C-alpha atoms as a PDB file:
ATOM      1  CA  MET A   1       0.000   0.000   0.000  1.00  0.00           C
ATOM      2  CA  THR A   2       1.352   3.264  -0.932  1.00  0.00           C
ATOM      3  CA  GLY A   3       2.302   5.335   1.969  1.00  0.00           C
ATOM      4  CA  PRO A   4       1.228   8.904   2.215  1.00  0.00           C
ATOM      5  CA  THR A   5       2.913  11.457   0.074  1.00  0.00           C
ATOM      6  CA  GLY A   6       5.754  13.028   1.840  1.00  0.00           C
ATOM      7  CA  ALA A   7       5.675  16.713   2.472  1.00  0.00           C
ATOM      8  CA  ASN A   8       7.004  18.899  -0.269  1.00  0.00           C
ATOM      9  CA  GLY A   9      10.597  19.657   0.100  1.00  0.00           C
ATOM     10  CA  SER A  10      11.480  23.213   0.879  1.00  0.00           C
ATOM     11  CA  THR A  11      11.823  25.511  -2.103  1.00  0.00           C
ATOM     12  CA  GLY A  12      15.317  25.721  -3.377  1.00  0.00           C
ATOM     13  CA  PRO A  13      17.107  29.020  -3.098  1.00  0.00           C
ATOM     14  CA  THR A  14      16.593  31.609  -5.856  1.00  0.00           C
ATOM     15  CA  GLY A  15      19.029  31.214  -8.639  1.00  0.00           C
ATOM     16  CA  ALA A  16      21.753  33.805  -8.958  1.00  0.00           C
ATOM     17  CA  THR A  17      20.946  36.869 -11.057  1.00  0.00           C
ATOM     18  CA  GLY A  18      21.984  36.389 -14.600  1.00  0.00           C
ATOM     19  CA  ALA A  19      25.016  38.391 -15.789  1.00  0.00           C
ATOM     20  CA  ASP A  20      24.387  41.762 -17.514  1.00  0.00           C
ATOM     21  CA  GLY A  21      23.734  41.475 -21.154  1.00  0.00           C
ATOM     22  CA  VAL A  22      26.553  42.467 -23.483  1.00  0.00           C
ATOM     23  CA  THR A  23      26.759  46.258 -24.059  1.00  0.00           C
ATOM     24  CA  GLY A  24      25.033  47.242 -27.193  1.00  0.00           C
ATOM     25  CA  PRO A  25      27.194  48.530 -30.047  1.00  0.00           C
ATOM     26  CA  THR A  26      28.058  52.233 -30.120  1.00  0.00           C
ATOM     27  CA  GLY A  27      25.437  54.249 -31.836  1.00  0.00           C
ATOM     28  CA  ALA A  28      26.359  55.660 -35.240  1.00  0.00           C
ATOM     29  CA  ASN A  29      27.834  59.183 -35.322  1.00  0.00           C
ATOM     30  CA  GLY A  30      25.249  61.870 -35.406  1.00  0.00           C
ATOM     31  CA  VAL A  31      24.623  63.597 -38.736  1.00  0.00           C
ATOM     32  CA  THR A  32      27.121  66.419 -39.419  1.00  0.00           C
ATOM     33  CA  GLY A  33      25.624  69.728 -38.486  1.00  0.00           C
ATOM     34  CA  PRO A  34      24.793  72.121 -41.384  1.00  0.00           C
ATOM     35  CA  THR A  35      27.546  74.366 -42.687  1.00  0.00           C
ATOM     36  CA  GLY A  36      27.738  77.596 -40.752  1.00  0.00           C
ATOM     37  CA  ALA A  37      26.589  80.738 -42.567  1.00  0.00           C
ATOM     38  CA  ASN A  38      29.276  82.716 -44.421  1.00  0.00           C
ATOM     39  CA  GLY A  39      31.016  85.298 -42.297  1.00  0.00           C
ATOM     40  CA  SER A  40      30.124  88.915 -43.052  1.00  0.00           C
ATOM     41  CA  THR A  41      32.209  90.606 -45.756  1.00  0.00           C
ATOM     42  CA  GLY A  42      35.399  92.225 -44.421  1.00  0.00           C
ATOM     43  CA  ALA A  43      35.505  96.024 -44.285  1.00  0.00           C
ATOM     44  CA  THR A  44      36.859  97.762 -47.399  1.00  0.00           C
ATOM     45  CA  GLY A  45      40.613  98.440 -47.157  1.00  0.00           C
ATOM     46  CA  PRO A  46      41.726 102.085 -46.817  1.00  0.00           C
ATOM     47  CA  THR A  47      42.274 104.076 -49.998  1.00  0.00           C
ATOM     48  CA  GLY A  48      45.850 103.833 -51.322  1.00  0.00           C
ATOM     49  CA  ALA A  49      48.109 106.842 -50.890  1.00  0.00           C
ATOM     50  CA  THR A  50      48.017 109.435 -53.667  1.00  0.00           C
ATOM     51  CA  GLY A  51      50.783 108.867 -56.269  1.00  0.00           C
ATOM     52  CA  ALA A  52      53.715 111.279 -56.280  1.00  0.00           C
ATOM     53  CA  ASP A  53      53.571 114.250 -58.670  1.00  0.00           C
ATOM     54  CA  GLY A  54      54.901 113.559 -62.159  1.00  0.00           C
ATOM     55  CA  ALA A  55      58.331 114.938 -63.043  1.00  0.00           C
ATOM     56  CA  THR A  56      58.416 118.563 -64.278  1.00  0.00           C
ATOM     57  CA  GLY A  57      58.126 118.824 -68.076  1.00  0.00           C
ATOM     58  CA  ALA A  58      61.234 119.675 -70.107  1.00  0.00           C
ATOM     59  CA  THR A  59      61.950 123.385 -70.768  1.00  0.00           C
ATOM     60  CA  GLY A  60      60.394 124.607 -73.990  1.00  0.00           C
ATOM     61  CA  ALA A  61      62.642 125.218 -77.001  1.00  0.00           C
ATOM     62  CA  ASP A  62      64.065 128.720 -77.486  1.00  0.00           C
ATOM     63  CA  GLY A  63      61.767 131.083 -79.342  1.00  0.00           C
ATOM     64  CA  ALA A  64      62.616 131.850 -82.982  1.00  0.00           C
ATOM     65  CA  THR A  65      64.971 134.769 -83.567  1.00  0.00           C
ATOM     66  CA  GLY A  66      63.086 137.998 -84.130  1.00  0.00           C
ATOM     67  CA  PRO A  67      63.058 139.524 -87.655  1.00  0.00           C
ATOM     68  CA  THR A  68      65.880 141.857 -88.656  1.00  0.00           C
ATOM     69  CA  GLY A  69      65.193 145.426 -87.640  1.00  0.00           C
ATOM     70  CA  ALA A  70      64.217 147.982 -90.312  1.00  0.00           C
ATOM     71  CA  THR A  71      67.051 149.770 -92.093  1.00  0.00           C
ATOM     72  CA  GLY A  72      68.059 152.940 -90.290  1.00  0.00           C
ATOM     73  CA  PRO A  73      67.341 156.311 -91.914  1.00  0.00           C
ATOM     74  CA  THR A  74      69.850 157.697 -94.421  1.00  0.00           C
ATOM     75  CA  GLY A  75      72.539 159.758 -92.773  1.00  0.00           C
ATOM     76  CA  PRO A  76      72.611 163.519 -93.420  1.00  0.00           C
ATOM     77  CA  THR A  77      74.480 164.819 -96.448  1.00  0.00           C
ATOM     78  CA  GLY A  78      78.173 165.148 -95.772  1.00  0.00           C
ATOM     79  CA  VAL A  79      79.616 168.622 -95.252  1.00  0.00           C
ATOM     80  CA  ILE A  80      83.073 169.788 -96.342  1.00  0.00           C
ATOM     81  CA  GLU A  81      84.530 172.223 -93.942  1.00  0.00           C
ATOM     82  CA  PRO A  82      85.869 175.510 -95.455  1.00  0.00           C
ATOM     83  CA  GLY A  83      89.577 175.304 -96.084  1.00  0.00           C
ATOM     84  CA  THR A  84      89.512 171.564 -96.763  1.00  0.00           C
ATOM     85  CA  ALA A  85      92.122 170.870 -99.503  1.00  0.00           C
ATOM     86  CA  LEU A  86      90.467 170.208-102.850  1.00  0.00           C
ATOM     87  CA  PHE A  87      93.364 169.849-105.314  1.00  0.00           C
ATOM     88  CA  ASN A  88      97.025 170.659-105.891  1.00  0.00           C
ATOM     89  CA  VAL A  89      98.361 173.273-108.317  1.00  0.00           C
ATOM     90  CA  ILE A  90     101.827 172.416-109.612  1.00  0.00           C
ATOM     91  CA  GLY A  91     103.842 174.828-111.767  1.00  0.00           C
ATOM     92  CA  PRO A  92     107.282 174.802-113.366  1.00  0.00           C
ATOM     93  CA  ILE A  93     108.348 176.486-110.247  1.00  0.00           C
ATOM     94  CA  GLY A  94     106.657 175.676-106.961  1.00  0.00           C
ATOM     95  CA  SER A  95     103.293 174.099-106.056  1.00  0.00           C
ATOM     96  CA  ALA A  96     100.314 174.874-103.829  1.00  0.00           C
ATOM     97  CA  THR A  97      96.937 173.499-102.710  1.00  0.00           C
ATOM     98  CA  VAL A  98      93.549 175.106-103.202  1.00  0.00           C
ATOM     99  CA  GLY A  99      91.003 174.603-100.398  1.00  0.00           C
ATOM    100  CA  LEU A 100      87.235 175.017-100.196  1.00  0.00           C
ATOM    101  CA  GLY A 101      86.370 178.733-100.296  1.00  0.00           C
ATOM    102  CA  GLU A 102      89.843 179.737-101.528  1.00  0.00           C
ATOM    103  CA  ASN A 103      90.467 181.403-104.894  1.00  0.00           C
ATOM    104  CA  LEU A 104      92.734 180.179-107.683  1.00  0.00           C
ATOM    105  CA  THR A 105      94.029 183.265-109.542  1.00  0.00           C
ATOM    106  CA  PHE A 106      95.556 182.980-113.028  1.00  0.00           C
ATOM    107  CA  GLN A 107      97.945 185.873-113.976  1.00  0.00           C
ATOM    108  CA  SER A 108      99.811 186.486-117.250  1.00  0.00           C
ATOM    109  CA  SER A 109     101.139 189.522-119.108  1.00  0.00           C
ATOM    110  CA  THR A 110     101.308 187.637-122.398  1.00  0.00           C
ATOM    111  CA  LEU A 111      98.349 185.284-122.344  1.00  0.00           C
ATOM    112  CA  ASP A 112      94.639 185.898-122.829  1.00  0.00           C
ATOM    113  CA  ILE A 113      92.926 184.192-119.873  1.00  0.00           C
ATOM    114  CA  VAL A 114      89.115 183.835-119.897  1.00  0.00           C
ATOM    115  CA  VAL A 115      87.214 182.342-116.979  1.00  0.00           C
ATOM    116  CA  THR A 116      83.532 181.476-117.544  1.00  0.00           C
ATOM    117  CA  LEU A 117      81.190 182.186-114.626  1.00  0.00           C
ATOM    118  CA  GLY A 118      79.664 179.154-112.966  1.00  0.00           C
ATOM    119  CA  SER A 119      82.096 176.627-114.361  1.00  0.00           C
ATOM    120  CA  ALA A 120      85.608 175.396-113.843  1.00  0.00           C
ATOM    121  CA  THR A 121      86.548 176.053-117.464  1.00  0.00           C
ATOM    122  CA  VAL A 122      89.617 178.244-117.929  1.00  0.00           C
ATOM    123  CA  THR A 123      90.625 179.126-121.458  1.00  0.00           C
ATOM    124  CA  ILE A 124      94.189 180.290-121.971  1.00  0.00           C
ATOM    125  CA  GLU A 125      95.199 181.624-125.382  1.00  0.00           C
ATOM    126  CA  ASP A 126      98.571 182.971-126.495  1.00  0.00           C
ATOM    127  CA  THR A 127      97.708 186.073-128.586  1.00  0.00           C
ATOM    128  CA  THR A 128     101.216 186.589-129.924  1.00  0.00           C
ATOM    129  CA  PRO A 129     102.296 185.050-133.201  1.00  0.00           C
ATOM    130  CA  SER A 130     104.098 181.863-132.565  1.00  0.00           C
ATOM    131  CA  GLY A 131     104.838 178.523-133.989  1.00  0.00           C
ATOM    132  CA  PRO A 132     102.373 175.646-133.947  1.00  0.00           C
ATOM    133  CA  THR A 133     100.647 174.832-130.728  1.00  0.00           C
ATOM    134  CA  GLY A 134     102.654 172.532-128.626  1.00  0.00           C
ATOM    135  CA  ALA A 135     101.346 169.130-127.656  1.00  0.00           C
ATOM    136  CA  THR A 136      98.769 169.106-124.927  1.00  0.00           C
ATOM    137  CA  GLY A 137     100.342 168.796-121.556  1.00  0.00           C
ATOM    138  CA  PRO A 138      99.554 165.825-119.423  1.00  0.00           C
ATOM    139  CA  THR A 139      96.307 165.892-117.504  1.00  0.00           C
ATOM    140  CA  GLY A 140      96.707 167.273-114.055  1.00  0.00           C
ATOM    141  CA  ALA A 141      96.516 164.879-111.160  1.00  0.00           C
ATOM    142  CA  THR A 142      93.007 164.189-109.868  1.00  0.00           C
ATOM    143  CA  GLY A 143      92.180 166.192-106.807  1.00  0.00           C
ATOM    144  CA  PRO A 144      91.817 164.292-103.560  1.00  0.00           C
ATOM    145  CA  THR A 145      88.475 162.667-102.787  1.00  0.00           C
ATOM    146  CA  GLY A 146      86.226 164.761-100.596  1.00  0.00           C
ATOM    147  CA  ALA A 147      86.067 163.753 -96.968  1.00  0.00           C
ATOM    148  CA  THR A 148      83.538 161.027 -96.208  1.00  0.00           C
ATOM    149  CA  GLY A 149      80.339 162.326 -94.685  1.00  0.00           C
ATOM    150  CA  PRO A 150      79.620 161.198 -91.108  1.00  0.00           C
ATOM    151  CA  THR A 151      78.129 157.744 -90.683  1.00  0.00           C
ATOM    152  CA  GLY A 152      74.319 157.656 -90.549  1.00  0.00           C
ATOM    153  CA  ALA A 153      72.717 156.997 -87.188  1.00  0.00           C
ATOM    154  CA  THR A 154      72.400 153.325 -86.241  1.00  0.00           C
ATOM    155  CA  GLY A 155      68.989 151.874 -87.060  1.00  0.00           C
ATOM    156  CA  ALA A 156      66.711 151.064 -84.138  1.00  0.00           C
ATOM    157  CA  ASP A 157      66.951 147.573 -82.688  1.00  0.00           C
ATOM    158  CA  GLY A 158      64.602 145.014 -84.259  1.00  0.00           C
ATOM    159  CA  ALA A 159      61.536 144.039 -82.257  1.00  0.00           C
ATOM    160  CA  THR A 160      62.071 141.318 -79.665  1.00  0.00           C
ATOM    161  CA  GLY A 161      61.264 137.846 -81.000  1.00  0.00           C
ATOM    162  CA  PRO A 162      58.043 136.233 -79.714  1.00  0.00           C
ATOM    163  CA  THR A 163      58.165 134.262 -76.476  1.00  0.00           C
ATOM    164  CA  GLY A 164      58.911 130.574 -76.978  1.00  0.00           C
ATOM    165  CA  ALA A 165      55.962 128.196 -76.741  1.00  0.00           C
ATOM    166  CA  ASP A 166      55.234 126.694 -73.335  1.00  0.00           C
ATOM    167  CA  GLY A 167      57.054 123.465 -72.611  1.00  0.00           C
ATOM    168  CA  ALA A 168      55.011 120.274 -73.016  1.00  0.00           C
ATOM    169  CA  THR A 169      52.985 119.249 -69.947  1.00  0.00           C
ATOM    170  CA  GLY A 170      54.826 116.757 -67.759  1.00  0.00           C
ATOM    171  CA  PRO A 171      53.581 113.150 -67.898  1.00  0.00           C
ATOM    172  CA  THR A 172      50.770 112.114 -65.547  1.00  0.00           C
ATOM    173  CA  GLY A 173      52.043 110.789 -62.230  1.00  0.00           C
ATOM    174  CA  ALA A 174      52.016 107.005 -61.795  1.00  0.00           C
ATOM    175  CA  THR A 175      48.761 105.494 -60.428  1.00  0.00           C
ATOM    176  CA  GLY A 176      48.884 105.025 -56.673  1.00  0.00           C
ATOM    177  CA  ALA A 177      49.371 101.475 -55.411  1.00  0.00           C
ATOM    178  CA  ASP A 178      46.242  99.397 -54.687  1.00  0.00           C
ATOM    179  CA  GLY A 179      44.906  99.825 -51.176  1.00  0.00           C
ATOM    180  CA  ALA A 180      45.721  97.057 -48.704  1.00  0.00           C
ATOM    181  CA  THR A 181      43.442  93.997 -48.832  1.00  0.00           C
ATOM    182  CA  GLY A 182      40.627  94.190 -46.289  1.00  0.00           C
ATOM    183  CA  PRO A 183      40.883  91.833 -43.291  1.00  0.00           C
ATOM    184  CA  THR A 184      39.523  88.290 -43.638  1.00  0.00           C
ATOM    185  CA  GLY A 185      35.913  87.963 -42.562  1.00  0.00           C
ATOM    186  CA  ALA A 186      35.218  86.327 -39.145  1.00  0.00           C
ATOM    187  CA  ASP A 187      34.784  82.552 -39.005  1.00  0.00           C
ATOM    188  CA  GLY A 188      31.227  81.386 -39.567  1.00  0.00           C
ATOM    189  CA  ALA A 189      29.286  80.310 -36.469  1.00  0.00           C
ATOM    190  CA  THR A 190      29.854  76.742 -35.283  1.00  0.00           C
ATOM    191  CA  GLY A 191      27.229  74.340 -36.618  1.00  0.00           C
ATOM    192  CA  PRO A 192      24.757  72.889 -34.052  1.00  0.00           C
ATOM    193  CA  THR A 193      25.724  69.756 -32.117  1.00  0.00           C
ATOM    194  CA  GLY A 194      24.767  66.563 -33.922  1.00  0.00           C
ATOM    195  CA  ALA A 195      21.778  64.573 -32.585  1.00  0.00           C
ATOM    196  CA  ASP A 196      22.479  61.860 -30.035  1.00  0.00           C
ATOM    197  CA  GLY A 197      23.198  58.445 -31.494  1.00  0.00           C
ATOM    198  CA  ALA A 198      20.388  55.868 -31.433  1.00  0.00           C
ATOM    199  CA  THR A 199      20.044  53.942 -28.174  1.00  0.00           C
ATOM    200  CA  GLY A 200      21.884  50.624 -28.280  1.00  0.00           C
ATOM    201  CA  PRO A 201      19.785  47.437 -28.405  1.00  0.00           C
ATOM    202  CA  THR A 202      18.615  45.887 -25.126  1.00  0.00           C
ATOM    203  CA  GLY A 203      21.046  43.388 -23.627  1.00  0.00           C
ATOM    204  CA  ALA A 204      20.284  39.662 -23.988  1.00  0.00           C
ATOM    205  CA  THR A 205      18.026  38.136 -21.305  1.00  0.00           C
ATOM    206  CA  GLY A 206      19.984  36.479 -18.512  1.00  0.00           C
ATOM    207  CA  ALA A 207      20.089  32.678 -18.496  1.00  0.00           C
ATOM    208  CA  ASP A 208      17.456  30.905 -16.462  1.00  0.00           C
ATOM    209  CA  GLY A 209      18.476  30.010 -12.914  1.00  0.00           C
ATOM    210  CA  VAL A 210      19.395  26.423 -12.231  1.00  0.00           C
ATOM    211  CA  THR A 211      16.322  24.342 -11.492  1.00  0.00           C
ATOM    212  CA  GLY A 212      16.190  23.535  -7.804  1.00  0.00           C
ATOM    213  CA  PRO A 213      16.131  19.966  -6.882  1.00  0.00           C
ATOM    214  CA  THR A 214      12.681  18.832  -7.023  1.00  0.00           C
ATOM    215  CA  GLY A 215      11.798  22.133  -5.511  1.00  0.00           C
ATOM    216  CA  ALA A 216       9.820  24.638  -7.369  1.00  0.00           C
ATOM    217  CA  THR A 217      11.560  26.098 -10.282  1.00  0.00           C
ATOM    218  CA  GLY A 218      13.582  29.075  -9.275  1.00  0.00           C
ATOM    219  CA  ALA A 219      12.232  32.356 -10.392  1.00  0.00           C
ATOM    220  CA  THR A 220      13.479  33.623 -13.673  1.00  0.00           C
ATOM    221  CA  GLY A 221      16.409  35.932 -13.242  1.00  0.00           C
ATOM    222  CA  PRO A 222      15.666  39.613 -13.801  1.00  0.00           C
ATOM    223  CA  THR A 223      16.023  40.994 -17.251  1.00  0.00           C
ATOM    224  CA  GLY A 224      19.536  42.179 -17.916  1.00  0.00           C
ATOM    225  CA  ALA A 225      20.107  45.889 -17.615  1.00  0.00           C
ATOM    226  CA  ASP A 226      19.831  47.990 -20.791  1.00  0.00           C
ATOM    227  CA  GLY A 227      23.028  48.393 -22.700  1.00  0.00           C
ATOM    228  CA  ALA A 228      24.867  51.625 -22.098  1.00  0.00           C
ATOM    229  CA  THR A 229      23.728  54.522 -24.229  1.00  0.00           C
ATOM    230  CA  GLY A 230      25.923  54.981 -27.259  1.00  0.00           C
ATOM    231  CA  PRO A 231      28.324  57.974 -27.130  1.00  0.00           C
ATOM    232  CA  THR A 232      27.138  61.323 -28.379  1.00  0.00           C
ATOM    233  CA  GLY A 233      27.717  61.872 -32.048  1.00  0.00           C
ATOM    234  CA  ALA A 234      30.784  63.956 -32.952  1.00  0.00           C
ATOM    235  CA  THR A 235      30.270  67.697 -33.122  1.00  0.00           C
ATOM    236  CA  GLY A 236      29.539  68.924 -36.609  1.00  0.00           C
ATOM    237  CA  ALA A 237      32.533  70.415 -38.494  1.00  0.00           C
ATOM    238  CA  ASP A 238      33.038  74.195 -38.345  1.00  0.00           C
ATOM    239  CA  GLY A 239      31.219  76.146 -40.996  1.00  0.00           C
ATOM    240  CA  ALA A 240      33.338  77.125 -43.989  1.00  0.00           C
ATOM    241  CA  THR A 241      35.334  80.346 -43.573  1.00  0.00           C
ATOM    242  CA  GLY A 242      33.520  83.341 -45.000  1.00  0.00           C
ATOM    243  CA  PRO A 243      34.902  84.737 -48.316  1.00  0.00           C
ATOM    244  CA  THR A 244      37.730  87.270 -48.169  1.00  0.00           C
ATOM    245  CA  GLY A 245      36.528  90.869 -48.046  1.00  0.00           C
ATOM    246  CA  ALA A 246      36.517  92.773 -51.345  1.00  0.00           C
ATOM    247  CA  THR A 247      39.818  94.403 -52.349  1.00  0.00           C
ATOM    248  CA  GLY A 248      40.038  98.087 -51.351  1.00  0.00           C
ATOM    249  CA  ALA A 249      39.403 100.619 -54.115  1.00  0.00           C
ATOM    250  CA  ASP A 250      42.409 101.786 -56.137  1.00  0.00           C
ATOM    251  CA  GLY A 251      44.146 104.873 -54.792  1.00  0.00           C
ATOM    252  CA  ALA A 252      43.302 108.140 -56.512  1.00  0.00           C
ATOM    253  CA  THR A 253      45.344 108.910 -59.617  1.00  0.00           C
ATOM    254  CA  GLY A 254      48.349 111.172 -58.844  1.00  0.00           C
ATOM    255  CA  ALA A 255      47.975 114.845 -59.722  1.00  0.00           C
ATOM    256  CA  ASP A 256      49.298 115.997 -63.114  1.00  0.00           C
ATOM    257  CA  GLY A 257      52.934 117.108 -63.095  1.00  0.00           C
ATOM    258  CA  ALA A 258      53.530 120.878 -62.922  1.00  0.00           C
ATOM    259  CA  THR A 259      53.484 122.695 -66.276  1.00  0.00           C
ATOM    260  CA  GLY A 260      56.981 123.037 -67.783  1.00  0.00           C
ATOM    261  CA  ALA A 261      58.704 126.414 -67.370  1.00  0.00           C
ATOM    262  CA  THR A 262      58.222 128.967 -70.181  1.00  0.00           C
ATOM    263  CA  GLY A 263      61.007 128.800 -72.754  1.00  0.00           C
ATOM    264  CA  PRO A 264      63.550 131.662 -72.660  1.00  0.00           C
ATOM    265  CA  THR A 265      62.806 134.791 -74.686  1.00  0.00           C
ATOM    266  CA  GLY A 266      64.093 134.613 -78.259  1.00  0.00           C
ATOM    267  CA  ALA A 267      67.367 136.351 -79.045  1.00  0.00           C
ATOM    268  CA  THR A 268      67.105 140.073 -79.871  1.00  0.00           C
ATOM    269  CA  GLY A 269      66.908 140.691 -83.597  1.00  0.00           C
ATOM    270  CA  ALA A 270      70.107 141.828 -85.299  1.00  0.00           C
ATOM    271  CA  ASP A 271      70.673 145.589 -85.589  1.00  0.00           C
ATOM    272  CA  GLY A 272      69.352 147.115 -88.770  1.00  0.00           C
ATOM    273  CA  ALA A 273      71.919 147.711 -91.516  1.00  0.00           C
ATOM    274  CA  THR A 274      73.815 150.993 -91.234  1.00  0.00           C
ATOM    275  CA  GLY A 275      72.344 153.674 -93.457  1.00  0.00           C
ATOM    276  CA  PRO A 276      74.357 154.529 -96.572  1.00  0.00           C
ATOM    277  CA  THR A 277      77.014 157.208 -96.228  1.00  0.00           C
ATOM    278  CA  GLY A 278      75.734 160.657 -97.107  1.00  0.00           C
ATOM    279  CA  ALA A 279      76.743 162.065-100.475  1.00  0.00           C
ATOM    280  CA  THR A 280      79.901 164.123-100.542  1.00  0.00           C
ATOM    281  CA  GLY A 281      79.087 167.814-100.277  1.00  0.00           C
ATOM    282  CA  ALA A 282      79.361 169.728-103.546  1.00  0.00           C
ATOM    283  CA  PHE A 283      81.801 172.557-103.863  1.00  0.00           C
ATOM    284  CA  ILE A 284      81.851 175.539-106.146  1.00  0.00           C
ATOM    285  CA  LEU A 285      85.105 176.894-107.404  1.00  0.00           C
ATOM    286  CA  GLY A 286      85.281 180.576-106.507  1.00  0.00           C
ATOM    287  CA  LYS A 287      85.910 183.182-109.103  1.00  0.00           C
END
């Protein structure tokens, strides 16, 4: 006969807690943050310094020589002073000179001498019978040339030649150097932090506890703890650097070089030609 059922054995101890599930894999990196906005344009660089003045233009060429002055007026008629020797008188015996205003007297007790008024013609005739007329004597020596009249006054100086043309304008000064490049714009703002990575998968369930002997089955071990949260995604890269500021405006063009100095005054025109010598004064042989 079957004996009575023995009392249930005491419940076995609770099985040990299962080990933590393996840590879930690291979440993928967060999406790169959007590119930061461009930095504001850099300020315009300062205007370049004004270029130096151009070199002074070359001196203008000398003005053309003025025209020759007009011929001076004719000098006054020459004057022979009284007493100025006019010619020589030479005889068989002795000689003499006859000057302006002096008389030449012919005397003879045997010859007929006729002097015609207003001329220098003297006719000498021998009124006594004689042989044939002798050969004509040689012509008397030519009287000395009358003294030269005084030189005419010097003609007035010719008008001054016109002023030389202005020298050519000096070349334009070189263009000033470009202004310095404006400073680089500030870095764009840092992009926002990437979103957190996705949570890692839940760890595997712990293994069941060992079944107690005959006793009631040990309670199932607690679910393993969640895997650690994946690391935060890397910070998005810095936004691209803003474009370089626009180049500063060119410096103002240098001022024109100073006008070249006026050319020197043309040479004074040559003196007018000396007036012709006055005619020799006439003389009248006295009676």
